[in-house]
Amino acid sequence: MNPSNEQKSVYVMPIIGKAPHLRFVWTEQPTLDDIENAFAYIDQVLDRADTSVHIIVDVRSQPKLPLGKTMTNAIKAQRTDTMGMWLVIGADWRAEFIGKTISSVGKNNIEWFDSEEEAIQRLDELMQT
């Protein structure tokens, strides 16, 4: 997967200067293929990490998330030992529903933010611990 390909409807990229942490961005109309590819990349990063990986999830576009596909993939990532915090920007009811569902698998590791600046500030705090 080429995470920097702006043509995709869902993409994941490393946060420059904050490796191995990721930025996960959703457009308004995500495709199933792009969702699968994005989560496959996340899974690769989580599998290779030797420390917790925090992921900033940007849903300010209020994407029409396919709930089943998104939850299945998010729960798989959630169950990974190296999954750190999900730092979600701009949540709507779909994102909140997915958040509640994946939190039910045992980790209470989702925080909600109104801006990217707040999420980055929290990431910086997490990196200090």
C-alpha atoms as a PDB file:
ATOM      1  CA  MET A   1       0.000   0.000   0.000  1.00  0.00           C
ATOM      2  CA  ASN A   2       1.213   3.468  -0.800  1.00  0.00           C
ATOM      3  CA  PRO A   3      -0.058   5.417   2.221  1.00  0.00           C
ATOM      4  CA  SER A   4       0.683   8.805   0.667  1.00  0.00           C
ATOM      5  CA  ASN A   5      -1.529   8.247  -2.386  1.00  0.00           C
ATOM      6  CA  GLU A   6      -4.040  11.088  -2.142  1.00  0.00           C
ATOM      7  CA  GLN A   7      -6.262   9.312  -4.708  1.00  0.00           C
ATOM      8  CA  LYS A   8      -7.395   6.823  -2.086  1.00  0.00           C
ATOM      9  CA  SER A   9     -10.585   7.266  -0.104  1.00  0.00           C
ATOM     10  CA  VAL A  10      -8.910   6.032   3.098  1.00  0.00           C
ATOM     11  CA  TYR A  11      -5.218   6.293   3.789  1.00  0.00           C
ATOM     12  CA  VAL A  12      -2.702   5.743   6.537  1.00  0.00           C
ATOM     13  CA  MET A  13       0.672   7.406   6.823  1.00  0.00           C
ATOM     14  CA  PRO A  14       3.452   7.598   9.386  1.00  0.00           C
ATOM     15  CA  ILE A  15       3.471  10.818  11.380  1.00  0.00           C
ATOM     16  CA  ILE A  16       6.741  12.489  10.448  1.00  0.00           C
ATOM     17  CA  GLY A  17       9.064  12.692  13.425  1.00  0.00           C
ATOM     18  CA  LYS A  18       6.766  10.569  15.562  1.00  0.00           C
ATOM     19  CA  ALA A  19       7.398   7.018  14.284  1.00  0.00           C
ATOM     20  CA  PRO A  20       5.950   4.418  14.635  1.00  0.00           C
ATOM     21  CA  HIS A  21       2.716   6.359  15.205  1.00  0.00           C
ATOM     22  CA  LEU A  22       0.216   6.739  12.373  1.00  0.00           C
ATOM     23  CA  ARG A  23      -2.318   9.164  10.932  1.00  0.00           C
ATOM     24  CA  PHE A  24      -5.439   7.440   9.556  1.00  0.00           C
ATOM     25  CA  VAL A  25      -7.572   9.683   7.310  1.00  0.00           C
ATOM     26  CA  TRP A  26     -11.052   8.960   5.966  1.00  0.00           C
ATOM     27  CA  THR A  27     -12.727  10.753   3.078  1.00  0.00           C
ATOM     28  CA  GLU A  28     -16.499  11.083   2.872  1.00  0.00           C
ATOM     29  CA  GLN A  29     -17.062   8.015   0.668  1.00  0.00           C
ATOM     30  CA  PRO A  30     -14.509   5.316   1.617  1.00  0.00           C
ATOM     31  CA  THR A  31     -14.319   2.224  -0.571  1.00  0.00           C
ATOM     32  CA  LEU A  32     -14.125  -1.302   0.808  1.00  0.00           C
ATOM     33  CA  ASP A  33     -10.808  -1.909  -0.970  1.00  0.00           C
ATOM     34  CA  ASP A  34      -9.280   1.227   0.510  1.00  0.00           C
ATOM     35  CA  ILE A  35     -10.504   0.256   3.986  1.00  0.00           C
ATOM     36  CA  GLU A  36      -8.965  -3.211   3.625  1.00  0.00           C
ATOM     37  CA  ASN A  37      -5.671  -1.769   2.358  1.00  0.00           C
ATOM     38  CA  ALA A  38      -5.512   0.831   5.122  1.00  0.00           C
ATOM     39  CA  PHE A  39      -6.098  -1.715   7.869  1.00  0.00           C
ATOM     40  CA  ALA A  40      -3.621  -4.135   6.249  1.00  0.00           C
ATOM     41  CA  TYR A  41      -0.990  -1.391   6.510  1.00  0.00           C
ATOM     42  CA  ILE A  42      -1.953  -0.710  10.138  1.00  0.00           C
ATOM     43  CA  ASP A  43      -1.699  -4.439  10.888  1.00  0.00           C
ATOM     44  CA  GLN A  44       1.803  -4.526   9.339  1.00  0.00           C
ATOM     45  CA  VAL A  45       2.948  -1.622  11.485  1.00  0.00           C
ATOM     46  CA  LEU A  46       1.426  -3.129  14.650  1.00  0.00           C
ATOM     47  CA  ASP A  47       2.950  -6.546  13.937  1.00  0.00           C
ATOM     48  CA  ARG A  48       6.427  -5.082  13.440  1.00  0.00           C
ATOM     49  CA  ALA A  49       6.337  -2.648  16.370  1.00  0.00           C
ATOM     50  CA  ASP A  50       8.179  -3.301  19.597  1.00  0.00           C
ATOM     51  CA  THR A  51       6.355  -0.511  21.394  1.00  0.00           C
ATOM     52  CA  SER A  52       2.795   0.814  21.523  1.00  0.00           C
ATOM     53  CA  VAL A  53       1.613   2.453  18.321  1.00  0.00           C
ATOM     54  CA  HIS A  54      -0.836   5.336  18.700  1.00  0.00           C
ATOM     55  CA  ILE A  55      -3.082   6.185  15.764  1.00  0.00           C
ATOM     56  CA  ILE A  56      -4.638   9.569  15.037  1.00  0.00           C
ATOM     57  CA  VAL A  57      -7.920   8.878  13.224  1.00  0.00           C
ATOM     58  CA  ASP A  58      -9.289  11.806  11.245  1.00  0.00           C
ATOM     59  CA  VAL A  59     -13.025  11.476  10.568  1.00  0.00           C
ATOM     60  CA  ARG A  60     -13.787  15.180  10.184  1.00  0.00           C
ATOM     61  CA  SER A  61     -15.154  14.392   6.723  1.00  0.00           C
ATOM     62  CA  GLN A  62     -17.926  12.435   8.487  1.00  0.00           C
ATOM     63  CA  PRO A  63     -17.349   9.394   6.277  1.00  0.00           C
ATOM     64  CA  LYS A  64     -20.115   6.984   5.422  1.00  0.00           C
ATOM     65  CA  LEU A  65     -18.292   4.173   7.195  1.00  0.00           C
ATOM     66  CA  PRO A  66     -19.367   0.649   6.311  1.00  0.00           C
ATOM     67  CA  LEU A  67     -19.850  -0.407   9.917  1.00  0.00           C
ATOM     68  CA  GLY A  68     -19.286  -4.155   9.568  1.00  0.00           C
ATOM     69  CA  LYS A  69     -16.057  -3.955   7.574  1.00  0.00           C
ATOM     70  CA  THR A  70     -14.669  -1.125   9.671  1.00  0.00           C
ATOM     71  CA  MET A  71     -15.493  -2.765  13.014  1.00  0.00           C
ATOM     72  CA  THR A  72     -14.104  -6.152  11.984  1.00  0.00           C
ATOM     73  CA  ASN A  73     -10.781  -4.609  10.992  1.00  0.00           C
ATOM     74  CA  ALA A  74     -10.647  -2.221  13.963  1.00  0.00           C
ATOM     75  CA  ILE A  75     -11.334  -5.050  16.437  1.00  0.00           C
ATOM     76  CA  LYS A  76      -8.490  -7.065  14.895  1.00  0.00           C
ATOM     77  CA  ALA A  77      -6.134  -4.106  15.392  1.00  0.00           C
ATOM     78  CA  GLN A  78      -7.560  -3.490  18.871  1.00  0.00           C
ATOM     79  CA  ARG A  79      -6.626  -7.028  19.948  1.00  0.00           C
ATOM     80  CA  THR A  80      -2.991  -6.515  18.972  1.00  0.00           C
ATOM     81  CA  ASP A  81      -0.641  -6.128  21.932  1.00  0.00           C
ATOM     82  CA  THR A  82       1.093  -3.139  20.338  1.00  0.00           C
ATOM     83  CA  MET A  83      -2.104  -1.153  19.710  1.00  0.00           C
ATOM     84  CA  GLY A  84      -1.799   1.991  21.793  1.00  0.00           C
ATOM     85  CA  MET A  85      -4.375   4.778  21.739  1.00  0.00           C
ATOM     86  CA  TRP A  86      -6.859   5.690  19.039  1.00  0.00           C
ATOM     87  CA  LEU A  87      -6.908   9.513  19.012  1.00  0.00           C
ATOM     88  CA  VAL A  88     -10.053  10.385  17.063  1.00  0.00           C
ATOM     89  CA  ILE A  89     -10.647  13.816  15.547  1.00  0.00           C
ATOM     90  CA  GLY A  90     -14.146  14.948  14.579  1.00  0.00           C
ATOM     91  CA  ALA A  91     -16.279  12.018  15.636  1.00  0.00           C
ATOM     92  CA  ASP A  92     -19.858  11.529  14.508  1.00  0.00           C
ATOM     93  CA  TRP A  93     -22.349   8.836  15.510  1.00  0.00           C
ATOM     94  CA  ARG A  94     -20.717   6.195  13.287  1.00  0.00           C
ATOM     95  CA  ALA A  95     -17.268   6.756  14.765  1.00  0.00           C
ATOM     96  CA  GLU A  96     -18.696   6.793  18.293  1.00  0.00           C
ATOM     97  CA  PHE A  97     -20.577   3.534  17.639  1.00  0.00           C
ATOM     98  CA  ILE A  98     -17.415   1.883  16.310  1.00  0.00           C
ATOM     99  CA  GLY A  99     -15.462   3.266  19.259  1.00  0.00           C
ATOM    100  CA  LYS A 100     -17.885   1.827  21.797  1.00  0.00           C
ATOM    101  CA  THR A 101     -17.885  -1.516  20.016  1.00  0.00           C
ATOM    102  CA  ILE A 102     -14.123  -1.909  19.787  1.00  0.00           C
ATOM    103  CA  SER A 103     -13.701  -0.715  23.378  1.00  0.00           C
ATOM    104  CA  SER A 104     -15.835  -3.663  24.426  1.00  0.00           C
ATOM    105  CA  VAL A 105     -13.031  -6.085  23.493  1.00  0.00           C
ATOM    106  CA  GLY A 106     -11.068  -5.124  26.569  1.00  0.00           C
ATOM    107  CA  LYS A 107      -9.107  -1.926  25.997  1.00  0.00           C
ATOM    108  CA  ASN A 108     -10.387   1.490  26.962  1.00  0.00           C
ATOM    109  CA  ASN A 109      -7.998   3.275  24.603  1.00  0.00           C
ATOM    110  CA  ILE A 110     -10.008   5.777  22.589  1.00  0.00           C
ATOM    111  CA  GLU A 111      -9.886   9.527  23.121  1.00  0.00           C
ATOM    112  CA  TRP A 112     -11.912  12.112  21.210  1.00  0.00           C
ATOM    113  CA  PHE A 113     -10.726  15.512  19.985  1.00  0.00           C
ATOM    114  CA  ASP A 114     -12.159  18.497  18.146  1.00  0.00           C
ATOM    115  CA  SER A 115      -8.915  19.431  16.368  1.00  0.00           C
ATOM    116  CA  GLU A 116      -5.774  17.887  14.981  1.00  0.00           C
ATOM    117  CA  GLU A 117      -3.702  20.161  17.198  1.00  0.00           C
ATOM    118  CA  GLU A 118      -5.317  18.665  20.320  1.00  0.00           C
ATOM    119  CA  ALA A 119      -4.708  15.119  19.079  1.00  0.00           C
ATOM    120  CA  ILE A 120      -1.053  15.874  18.253  1.00  0.00           C
ATOM    121  CA  GLN A 121      -0.584  17.452  21.686  1.00  0.00           C
ATOM    122  CA  ARG A 122      -1.990  14.293  23.307  1.00  0.00           C
ATOM    123  CA  LEU A 123       0.258  12.119  21.122  1.00  0.00           C
ATOM    124  CA  ASP A 124       3.250  14.142  22.302  1.00  0.00           C
ATOM    125  CA  GLU A 125       2.170  13.548  25.918  1.00  0.00           C
ATOM    126  CA  LEU A 126       1.821   9.812  25.292  1.00  0.00           C
ATOM    127  CA  MET A 127       5.263   9.693  23.718  1.00  0.00           C
ATOM    128  CA  GLN A 128       6.729  11.165  26.939  1.00  0.00           C
ATOM    129  CA  THR A 129       5.475   8.250  29.051  1.00  0.00           C
END
